[in-house]
Amino acid sequence: MGEKLPLKLHKTLECKQGAVRSVSFNGDGNYCLTCGSDKSLKLWNPHRNLLLKTYTAHGYDVLDARASLDNSQLVSCGADKAVMLWDVATGQTLRRFRGHAGKVDCVCFNEDSSVVLSGSIDATVRIWDCRSKKFDPIQILDEAKDAVSSIAVSDFEILTASVDGYVRRYDLRNGRLHTDCIGHPATCINFTKDGQCTLVSSLDNRIRLLDKDSGELLGEYAGHHNGQYRVASCMNNDDSHVVSGSEDGTIYFWDLVEGSMVTTIEKAGKDTVHSLSFHPKEVCLLSASEGMVKLWRSHAYEEDG
């Protein structure tokens, strides 16, 4: 287990941007983005504890951010109701998408980074064309009855989690909407790597693994504390384990198939560990709590050089 799970603290990033609202690896896992309550977005090489660039244009807290497929652009969203498209190299804003009626909690690119999707407390997902000069969204998904808290995208599907207790899957091939009732505010959603299942966190101290097509409950993971805040969950790099933050400052690991908790990292944060990002290929995890981001590696890891 010590080789398969990132249980050893390897680096600590003192982000100096107030409370870190979100942390995420880029597509190849070489860099990460941190979103701050001080209105800043920062790009890091977390493996070297190296700050590469700071991006400032938001008017309030930055709440989420992602990197494009080729790493040339970033997208971020915030409490100022804005969605920003950035040029990585220059630090300039390329586009400022406006239209949400409230804070924007989650944002992502589609698979080829031609489109940005944003989810808001206004209960909508807005889809923006990065390549067009038009300022209006190309589509608005307004089926949610409460805040949209999380979005995941595949090449032909959009997954959303909402505080209304529903998970929605939009199949872009046939224009159909599939809805699964969780029964509690859903706050984080991810596809498994094979695209067959979805992993959903909700505010009843539970994480659920659902069959994507049928909605059948395949697994349930409990033991962590998640009843108040949006707390991230994810799969590890080979989909063998479920990982979650917690309101008690601990990181929890479960066996995906067995559903059993296998280990924890105690005191991973002083307060709630609310954001996580697993490296796409390596046994490596980023976690955010208060003003810090921590990078975790396996006990077997040895740094080159």
Protein backbone atom coordinates (compact mmCIF):
# COMPACT_ATOMS: atom_id res chain seq x y z
CA MET A 1 0.00 0.00 0.00
CA GLY A 2 2.90 2.34 0.73
CA GLU A 3 3.90 2.10 -2.91
CA LYS A 4 0.41 2.45 -4.38
CA LEU A 5 -0.87 5.37 -2.29
CA PRO A 6 0.61 8.84 -1.69
CA LEU A 7 0.88 8.83 2.11
CA LYS A 8 4.18 10.69 2.58
CA LEU A 9 4.36 14.49 2.62
CA HIS A 10 6.79 15.54 -0.10
CA LYS A 11 6.35 19.31 -0.55
CA THR A 12 4.35 22.13 1.07
CA LEU A 13 3.39 25.15 -1.02
CA GLU A 14 2.89 28.31 1.04
CA CYS A 15 0.56 29.88 -1.48
CA LYS A 16 0.26 33.35 0.09
CA GLN A 17 -3.08 34.03 -1.56
CA GLY A 18 -5.41 33.93 1.43
CA ALA A 19 -7.50 30.78 1.66
CA VAL A 20 -6.81 28.37 -1.21
CA ARG A 21 -10.22 27.66 -2.71
CA SER A 22 -9.11 25.01 -5.20
CA VAL A 23 -6.04 23.15 -6.47
CA SER A 24 -5.75 21.17 -9.71
CA PHE A 25 -3.06 19.45 -11.73
CA ASN A 26 -2.82 20.28 -15.42
CA GLY A 27 -3.34 17.50 -17.98
CA ASP A 28 0.15 15.99 -17.79
CA GLY A 29 0.64 16.51 -14.05
CA ASN A 30 3.76 18.70 -14.39
CA TYR A 31 2.08 21.87 -13.13
CA CYS A 32 -0.79 22.91 -10.89
CA LEU A 33 -3.14 25.84 -10.40
CA THR A 34 -4.16 27.33 -7.05
CA CYS A 35 -7.16 29.65 -6.62
CA GLY A 36 -7.09 32.22 -3.83
CA SER A 37 -9.48 34.23 -1.71
CA ASP A 38 -7.18 37.21 -2.45
CA LYS A 39 -8.56 37.25 -6.06
CA SER A 40 -5.39 35.65 -7.51
CA LEU A 41 -4.75 32.56 -9.60
CA LYS A 42 -1.26 31.02 -9.41
CA LEU A 43 0.60 28.58 -11.66
CA TRP A 44 3.17 26.32 -9.96
CA ASN A 45 5.61 23.54 -10.57
CA PRO A 46 4.59 21.79 -7.34
CA HIS A 47 7.29 19.13 -7.68
CA ARG A 48 9.94 21.86 -7.30
CA ASN A 49 7.85 24.11 -5.03
CA LEU A 50 8.25 26.77 -7.71
CA LEU A 51 5.79 29.61 -8.36
CA LEU A 52 5.81 30.30 -12.10
CA LYS A 53 3.21 33.03 -12.58
CA THR A 54 0.39 34.94 -10.87
CA TYR A 55 -2.76 35.94 -12.73
CA THR A 56 -4.94 38.80 -11.44
CA ALA A 57 -8.16 40.21 -12.90
CA HIS A 58 -10.96 38.70 -10.80
CA GLY A 59 -12.88 41.06 -8.51
CA TYR A 60 -13.49 38.54 -5.71
CA ASP A 61 -12.34 35.06 -4.65
CA VAL A 62 -11.17 32.78 -7.46
CA LEU A 63 -13.07 29.51 -6.93
CA ASP A 64 -11.89 27.10 -9.65
CA ALA A 65 -9.46 26.90 -12.57
CA ARG A 66 -8.25 24.49 -15.26
CA ALA A 67 -5.50 24.36 -17.88
CA SER A 68 -6.15 23.75 -21.58
CA LEU A 69 -5.01 20.60 -23.38
CA ASP A 70 -1.87 22.24 -24.82
CA ASN A 71 -1.17 24.26 -21.62
CA SER A 72 -1.32 27.55 -23.55
CA GLN A 73 -4.50 28.79 -21.86
CA LEU A 74 -6.17 28.74 -18.45
CA VAL A 75 -9.78 29.20 -17.50
CA SER A 76 -10.91 30.41 -14.09
CA CYS A 77 -14.15 31.38 -12.37
CA GLY A 78 -15.02 33.27 -9.26
CA ALA A 79 -17.33 34.92 -6.79
CA ASP A 80 -17.42 37.96 -9.10
CA LYS A 81 -19.76 35.96 -11.44
CA ALA A 82 -17.06 36.02 -14.13
CA VAL A 83 -15.37 33.29 -16.17
CA MET A 84 -11.90 34.29 -17.44
CA LEU A 85 -9.81 32.84 -20.26
CA TRP A 86 -6.08 33.54 -19.81
CA ASP A 87 -2.96 33.39 -21.93
CA VAL A 88 -0.53 31.32 -19.83
CA ALA A 89 2.67 32.95 -21.10
CA THR A 90 1.69 36.64 -20.97
CA GLY A 91 -0.71 36.49 -18.02
CA GLN A 92 -3.24 38.54 -19.98
CA THR A 93 -6.98 37.84 -20.03
CA LEU A 94 -8.07 36.78 -23.51
CA ARG A 95 -11.79 36.70 -22.77
CA ARG A 96 -14.06 37.62 -19.88
CA PHE A 97 -17.30 35.66 -20.13
CA ARG A 98 -20.22 37.28 -18.31
CA GLY A 99 -23.81 36.14 -17.95
CA HIS A 100 -24.05 34.14 -14.72
CA ALA A 101 -26.34 35.74 -12.15
CA GLY A 102 -24.30 34.59 -9.14
CA LYS A 103 -20.91 33.24 -8.12
CA VAL A 104 -19.41 30.63 -10.44
CA ASP A 105 -18.25 27.57 -8.49
CA CYS A 106 -16.81 25.28 -11.15
CA VAL A 107 -15.25 25.51 -14.59
CA CYS A 108 -13.63 23.18 -17.11
CA PHE A 109 -12.56 22.85 -20.73
CA ASN A 110 -14.01 20.26 -23.08
CA GLU A 111 -11.67 17.54 -24.40
CA ASP A 112 -10.03 19.64 -27.15
CA SER A 113 -10.19 22.92 -25.17
CA SER A 114 -12.33 24.66 -27.80
CA VAL A 115 -15.17 25.21 -25.34
CA VAL A 116 -15.43 26.25 -21.68
CA LEU A 117 -18.20 25.07 -19.34
CA SER A 118 -19.07 26.91 -16.14
CA GLY A 119 -21.44 26.00 -13.31
CA SER A 120 -22.96 28.56 -10.98
CA ILE A 121 -25.01 29.16 -7.88
CA ASP A 122 -27.59 30.52 -10.36
CA ALA A 123 -28.44 26.85 -11.16
CA THR A 124 -27.15 26.97 -14.75
CA VAL A 125 -24.26 25.57 -16.75
CA ARG A 126 -23.13 27.94 -19.48
CA ILE A 127 -21.09 26.78 -22.45
CA TRP A 128 -18.73 29.31 -24.04
CA ASP A 129 -16.88 29.14 -27.36
CA CYS A 130 -13.21 30.03 -26.76
CA ARG A 131 -12.56 30.67 -30.45
CA SER A 132 -15.53 32.93 -31.19
CA LYS A 133 -15.56 36.65 -30.53
CA LYS A 134 -19.20 36.47 -29.42
CA PHE A 135 -19.81 37.11 -25.75
CA ASP A 136 -23.03 35.12 -25.38
CA PRO A 137 -22.87 31.45 -24.36
CA ILE A 138 -23.49 28.98 -27.16
CA GLN A 139 -25.75 26.97 -24.85
CA ILE A 140 -27.29 27.25 -21.38
CA LEU A 141 -28.20 24.09 -19.41
CA ASP A 142 -30.86 25.20 -16.92
CA GLU A 143 -32.37 21.91 -15.71
CA ALA A 144 -30.88 22.16 -12.19
CA LYS A 145 -33.12 23.58 -9.46
CA ASP A 146 -30.26 24.76 -7.24
CA ALA A 147 -26.55 25.61 -7.48
CA VAL A 148 -24.40 23.59 -9.90
CA SER A 149 -21.40 22.61 -7.80
CA SER A 150 -19.30 20.39 -10.07
CA ILE A 151 -18.84 19.58 -13.77
CA ALA A 152 -17.00 16.78 -15.58
CA VAL A 153 -16.71 16.38 -19.35
CA SER A 154 -15.86 13.55 -21.73
CA ASP A 155 -15.68 13.75 -25.52
CA PHE A 156 -19.46 13.38 -25.87
CA GLU A 157 -20.94 13.84 -22.38
CA ILE A 158 -21.37 16.52 -19.74
CA LEU A 159 -21.81 15.46 -16.11
CA THR A 160 -23.13 17.91 -13.53
CA ALA A 161 -23.70 17.69 -9.78
CA SER A 162 -26.18 20.03 -8.12
CA VAL A 163 -27.16 21.06 -4.62
CA ASP A 164 -30.71 20.02 -5.63
CA GLY A 165 -29.59 16.42 -5.02
CA TYR A 166 -29.42 15.33 -8.65
CA VAL A 167 -26.66 14.22 -10.97
CA ARG A 168 -27.34 15.00 -14.63
CA ARG A 169 -25.65 13.51 -17.67
CA TYR A 170 -26.10 15.22 -21.01
CA ASP A 171 -25.37 12.90 -23.95
CA LEU A 172 -24.31 15.19 -26.79
CA ARG A 173 -24.58 12.44 -29.41
CA ASN A 174 -28.35 12.11 -29.15
CA GLY A 175 -29.28 15.22 -27.17
CA ARG A 176 -30.65 13.18 -24.26
CA LEU A 177 -30.59 14.05 -20.57
CA HIS A 178 -30.16 11.29 -17.97
CA THR A 179 -30.91 12.14 -14.33
CA ASP A 180 -29.99 10.27 -11.13
CA CYS A 181 -31.35 11.26 -7.73
CA ILE A 182 -28.77 11.23 -4.93
CA GLY A 183 -31.24 12.62 -2.41
CA HIS A 184 -28.69 14.93 -0.78
CA PRO A 185 -26.82 17.98 -2.08
CA ALA A 186 -24.25 16.68 -4.60
CA THR A 187 -20.99 18.63 -4.47
CA CYS A 188 -18.33 16.81 -6.50
CA ILE A 189 -18.49 14.55 -9.56
CA ASN A 190 -15.92 12.66 -11.64
CA PHE A 191 -15.79 10.02 -14.35
CA THR A 192 -13.77 6.88 -13.76
CA LYS A 193 -10.91 6.57 -16.24
CA ASP A 194 -12.75 3.94 -18.30
CA GLY A 195 -15.73 6.30 -18.59
CA GLN A 196 -18.18 3.62 -17.35
CA CYS A 197 -18.89 4.97 -13.87
CA THR A 198 -19.29 8.23 -11.99
CA LEU A 199 -18.08 9.10 -8.50
CA VAL A 200 -20.29 11.53 -6.57
CA SER A 201 -19.74 13.24 -3.20
CA SER A 202 -22.74 14.55 -1.27
CA LEU A 203 -23.48 16.33 1.99
CA ASP A 204 -24.57 13.17 3.85
CA ASN A 205 -21.00 12.03 4.60
CA ARG A 206 -21.14 9.66 1.64
CA ILE A 207 -19.43 9.10 -1.69
CA ARG A 208 -21.23 6.95 -4.25
CA LEU A 209 -20.02 5.03 -7.29
CA LEU A 210 -22.75 4.86 -9.93
CA ASP A 211 -23.01 2.97 -13.19
CA LYS A 212 -23.01 5.83 -15.67
CA ASP A 213 -25.64 4.39 -18.01
CA SER A 214 -28.08 2.73 -15.61
CA GLY A 215 -27.55 4.85 -12.49
CA GLU A 216 -27.16 1.65 -10.45
CA LEU A 217 -25.34 2.11 -7.14
CA LEU A 218 -22.12 0.09 -7.41
CA GLY A 219 -20.33 1.24 -4.28
CA GLU A 220 -20.63 3.50 -1.26
CA TYR A 221 -17.78 5.00 0.75
CA ALA A 222 -18.15 6.45 4.25
CA GLY A 223 -16.19 7.33 7.38
CA HIS A 224 -15.12 10.85 6.40
CA HIS A 225 -16.90 14.03 7.53
CA ASN A 226 -18.75 15.92 4.80
CA GLY A 227 -22.02 17.49 5.86
CA GLN A 228 -21.45 21.23 5.49
CA TYR A 229 -18.95 22.19 2.80
CA ARG A 230 -18.04 21.23 -0.72
CA VAL A 231 -15.29 18.62 -0.25
CA ALA A 232 -13.55 17.04 -3.22
CA SER A 233 -13.22 13.34 -3.95
CA CYS A 234 -11.39 11.60 -6.80
CA MET A 235 -9.91 8.31 -7.93
CA ASN A 236 -6.19 7.57 -7.74
CA ASN A 237 -4.11 7.26 -10.91
CA ASP A 238 -5.14 3.65 -11.67
CA ASP A 239 -8.77 3.79 -10.41
CA SER A 240 -8.06 1.24 -7.66
CA HIS A 241 -8.87 3.61 -4.78
CA VAL A 242 -11.27 6.41 -3.91
CA VAL A 243 -9.74 9.45 -2.21
CA SER A 244 -11.55 12.22 -0.33
CA GLY A 245 -10.88 15.26 1.75
CA SER A 246 -12.84 15.80 4.95
CA GLU A 247 -14.09 18.47 7.32
CA ASP A 248 -11.91 16.98 10.09
CA GLY A 249 -8.62 17.77 8.29
CA THR A 250 -7.99 14.15 7.26
CA ILE A 251 -7.54 12.56 3.82
CA TYR A 252 -9.33 9.20 3.44
CA PHE A 253 -8.60 6.28 1.08
CA TRP A 254 -10.99 3.43 0.23
CA ASP A 255 -10.63 0.34 -1.92
CA LEU A 256 -12.82 1.09 -4.96
CA VAL A 257 -14.15 -2.46 -5.38
CA GLU A 258 -14.37 -3.58 -1.74
CA GLY A 259 -15.70 -0.25 -0.46
CA SER A 260 -13.58 -0.58 2.67
CA MET A 261 -11.50 2.26 4.10
CA VAL A 262 -7.86 1.23 3.80
CA THR A 263 -5.97 4.15 5.34
CA THR A 264 -6.00 7.85 6.20
CA ILE A 265 -3.61 10.78 6.39
CA GLU A 266 -4.30 12.41 9.75
CA LYS A 267 -3.80 16.17 10.18
CA ALA A 268 -3.40 16.70 6.43
CA GLY A 269 -4.89 20.13 7.13
CA LYS A 270 -5.62 22.17 10.22
CA ASP A 271 -9.19 22.65 9.05
CA THR A 272 -11.26 21.13 6.25
CA VAL A 273 -9.29 19.48 3.43
CA HIS A 274 -11.67 20.64 0.70
CA SER A 275 -9.78 20.33 -2.57
CA LEU A 276 -7.81 17.39 -4.02
CA SER A 277 -6.17 16.61 -7.34
CA PHE A 278 -4.56 13.27 -8.22
CA HIS A 279 -1.69 13.12 -10.71
CA PRO A 280 -2.91 11.56 -13.99
CA LYS A 281 -0.14 8.93 -14.13
CA GLU A 282 1.91 8.90 -10.93
CA VAL A 283 1.27 8.08 -7.28
CA CYS A 284 1.04 11.73 -6.36
CA LEU A 285 -1.70 13.82 -4.73
CA LEU A 286 -2.28 17.53 -4.14
CA SER A 287 -4.46 18.65 -1.22
CA ALA A 288 -5.59 22.13 -0.16
CA SER A 289 -6.51 23.33 3.31
CA GLU A 290 -6.60 26.93 4.51
CA GLY A 291 -3.68 28.80 2.87
CA MET A 292 -1.55 25.78 2.01
CA VAL A 293 -1.24 23.11 -0.65
CA LYS A 294 0.53 19.85 0.15
CA LEU A 295 2.06 17.40 -2.32
CA TRP A 296 1.96 13.74 -1.23
CA ARG A 297 4.02 10.88 -2.68
CA SER A 298 4.38 7.18 -1.98
CA HIS A 299 6.84 6.00 0.64
CA ALA A 300 8.76 4.26 -2.15
CA TYR A 301 9.25 7.50 -4.15
CA GLU A 302 12.77 8.79 -4.60
CA GLU A 303 13.40 12.14 -6.22
CA ASP A 304 15.66 12.24 -9.27
CA GLY A 305 18.84 14.23 -8.95
